[in-house]
Structures are given as structure tokens and as C-alpha cells.
């Protein structure tokens, strides 16, 4: 393979990567905008209350003997 062919292939790959980068940036901007619009619909006290209740329930669930045993067994199984 000659240097000119190699340079052409590198330039083609570079253009393709730039095109993909642009598409990813566009997608991220669109997702950020959509999430911002959806988050504005949820009232802040409701979101904070749901987070508080969810955290409390998760803490209670993980401190019961059965669930903590299940979690340890799962982690042991996953480590194998």
C-alpha cells in the first residue's frame, strides 16, 4: 500500500469520525433538551418526596436479614 493510498484512507476515516462526532453531539443536545423539558413538568417537592420515600424504603429493605442475605449471595455468585 502506498503512502498516498494510506493518507487517503486516513482522511476518509477522519471525515467519518468527524461526521459521527457531530451526530453524537446533536443527539446529546436533543436528549439534554428533552430531559430539561420533562424535568420541568415534575414539581420539585414531589421529586424530593419521592426520593426521600424511595431512599427510606431501600434502606429498610437492605437492612432486613433476608434481603441482605440475598444481596450477599448475588454478589458472591457474580464474583464467581
C-alpha atoms as a PDB file:
ATOM      1  CA  UNK A   1       0.000   0.000   0.000  1.00  0.00           C
ATOM      2  CA  UNK A   2       1.437   3.336  -0.977  1.00  0.00           C
ATOM      3  CA  UNK A   3       1.615   6.405   1.204  1.00  0.00           C
ATOM      4  CA  UNK A   4      -0.912   8.261  -0.909  1.00  0.00           C
ATOM      5  CA  UNK A   5      -3.450   5.444  -0.525  1.00  0.00           C
ATOM      6  CA  UNK A   6      -2.761   5.316   3.195  1.00  0.00           C
ATOM      7  CA  UNK A   7      -3.196   9.089   3.500  1.00  0.00           C
ATOM      8  CA  UNK A   8      -6.481   8.923   1.581  1.00  0.00           C
ATOM      9  CA  UNK A   9      -7.729   6.141   3.848  1.00  0.00           C
ATOM     10  CA  UNK A  10      -6.743   8.146   6.949  1.00  0.00           C
ATOM     11  CA  UNK A  11      -8.527  11.234   5.622  1.00  0.00           C
ATOM     12  CA  UNK A  12     -11.652   9.179   4.857  1.00  0.00           C
ATOM     13  CA  UNK A  13     -11.630   7.735   8.363  1.00  0.00           C
ATOM     14  CA  UNK A  14     -11.089  11.192   9.820  1.00  0.00           C
ATOM     15  CA  UNK A  15     -14.080  12.590   7.914  1.00  0.00           C
ATOM     16  CA  UNK A  16     -16.224   9.650   9.005  1.00  0.00           C
ATOM     17  CA  UNK A  17     -15.222  10.113  12.653  1.00  0.00           C
ATOM     18  CA  UNK A  18     -15.989  13.844  12.442  1.00  0.00           C
ATOM     19  CA  UNK A  19     -19.410  13.038  10.984  1.00  0.00           C
ATOM     20  CA  UNK A  20     -20.098  10.540  13.789  1.00  0.00           C
ATOM     21  CA  UNK A  21     -18.921  13.048  16.421  1.00  0.00           C
ATOM     22  CA  UNK A  22     -21.277  15.674  15.020  1.00  0.00           C
ATOM     23  CA  UNK A  23     -24.204  13.217  15.080  1.00  0.00           C
ATOM     24  CA  UNK A  24     -23.449  12.240  18.692  1.00  0.00           C
ATOM     25  CA  UNK A  25     -23.259  15.888  19.736  1.00  0.00           C
ATOM     26  CA  UNK A  26     -26.604  16.577  18.057  1.00  0.00           C
ATOM     27  CA  UNK A  27     -28.155  13.580  19.804  1.00  0.00           C
ATOM     28  CA  UNK A  28     -26.790  14.651  23.204  1.00  0.00           C
ATOM     29  CA  UNK A  29     -28.106  18.193  22.784  1.00  0.00           C
ATOM     30  CA  UNK A  30     -31.527  16.828  21.820  1.00  0.00           C
ATOM     31  CA  UNK A  31     -31.604  14.437  24.799  1.00  0.00           C
ATOM     32  CA  UNK A  32     -30.497  17.186  27.185  1.00  0.00           C
ATOM     33  CA  UNK A  33     -33.260  19.461  25.882  1.00  0.00           C
ATOM     34  CA  UNK A  34     -35.891  16.702  26.193  1.00  0.00           C
ATOM     35  CA  UNK A  35     -34.817  15.834  29.739  1.00  0.00           C
ATOM     36  CA  UNK A  36     -34.916  19.509  30.681  1.00  0.00           C
ATOM     37  CA  UNK A  37     -38.459  19.816  29.359  1.00  0.00           C
ATOM     38  CA  UNK A  38     -39.602  16.663  31.173  1.00  0.00           C
ATOM     39  CA  UNK A  39     -37.947  17.673  34.438  1.00  0.00           C
ATOM     40  CA  UNK A  40     -39.781  21.000  34.424  1.00  0.00           C
ATOM     41  CA  UNK A  41     -43.090  19.143  34.486  1.00  0.00           C
ATOM     42  CA  UNK A  42     -42.284  17.431  37.806  1.00  0.00           C
ATOM     43  CA  UNK A  43     -42.761  19.719  40.804  1.00  0.00           C
ATOM     44  CA  UNK A  44     -39.653  19.917  42.991  1.00  0.00           C
ATOM     45  CA  UNK A  45     -41.419  18.975  46.278  1.00  0.00           C
ATOM     46  CA  UNK A  46     -42.872  15.859  44.621  1.00  0.00           C
ATOM     47  CA  UNK A  47     -39.461  14.809  43.269  1.00  0.00           C
ATOM     48  CA  UNK A  48     -37.797  15.372  46.644  1.00  0.00           C
ATOM     49  CA  UNK A  49     -40.563  13.492  48.443  1.00  0.00           C
ATOM     50  CA  UNK A  50     -40.297  10.548  46.045  1.00  0.00           C
ATOM     51  CA  UNK A  51     -36.520  10.454  46.537  1.00  0.00           C
ATOM     52  CA  UNK A  52     -36.933  10.544  50.312  1.00  0.00           C
ATOM     53  CA  UNK A  53     -39.520   7.763  50.362  1.00  0.00           C
ATOM     54  CA  UNK A  54     -37.503   5.673  47.892  1.00  0.00           C
ATOM     55  CA  UNK A  55     -34.337   6.066  49.977  1.00  0.00           C
ATOM     56  CA  UNK A  56     -36.164   5.163  53.169  1.00  0.00           C
ATOM     57  CA  UNK A  57     -37.725   2.050  51.608  1.00  0.00           C
ATOM     58  CA  UNK A  58     -34.414   0.963  50.098  1.00  0.00           C
ATOM     59  CA  UNK A  59     -32.652   1.364  53.437  1.00  0.00           C
ATOM     60  CA  UNK A  60     -35.331  -0.660  55.218  1.00  0.00           C
ATOM     61  CA  UNK A  61     -35.227  -3.352  52.533  1.00  0.00           C
ATOM     62  CA  UNK A  62     -31.436  -3.735  52.628  1.00  0.00           C
ATOM     63  CA  UNK A  63     -31.354  -3.975  56.412  1.00  0.00           C
ATOM     64  CA  UNK A  64     -33.724  -6.934  56.649  1.00  0.00           C
ATOM     65  CA  UNK A  65     -31.942 -10.279  57.121  1.00  0.00           C
ATOM     66  CA  UNK A  66     -33.463 -11.941  54.074  1.00  0.00           C
ATOM     67  CA  UNK A  67     -32.663  -9.166  51.613  1.00  0.00           C
ATOM     68  CA  UNK A  68     -29.121  -8.666  52.880  1.00  0.00           C
ATOM     69  CA  UNK A  69     -28.517 -12.422  52.554  1.00  0.00           C
ATOM     70  CA  UNK A  70     -29.910 -12.352  49.028  1.00  0.00           C
ATOM     71  CA  UNK A  71     -27.669  -9.404  48.186  1.00  0.00           C
ATOM     72  CA  UNK A  72     -24.586 -11.174  49.584  1.00  0.00           C
ATOM     73  CA  UNK A  73     -25.454 -14.362  47.688  1.00  0.00           C
ATOM     74  CA  UNK A  74     -25.920 -12.384  44.482  1.00  0.00           C
ATOM     75  CA  UNK A  75     -22.580 -10.609  44.927  1.00  0.00           C
ATOM     76  CA  UNK A  76     -20.863 -13.917  45.690  1.00  0.00           C
ATOM     77  CA  UNK A  77     -22.449 -15.539  42.634  1.00  0.00           C
ATOM     78  CA  UNK A  78     -21.454 -12.563  40.485  1.00  0.00           C
ATOM     79  CA  UNK A  79     -17.845 -12.757  41.709  1.00  0.00           C
ATOM     80  CA  UNK A  80     -17.542 -16.384  40.609  1.00  0.00           C
END
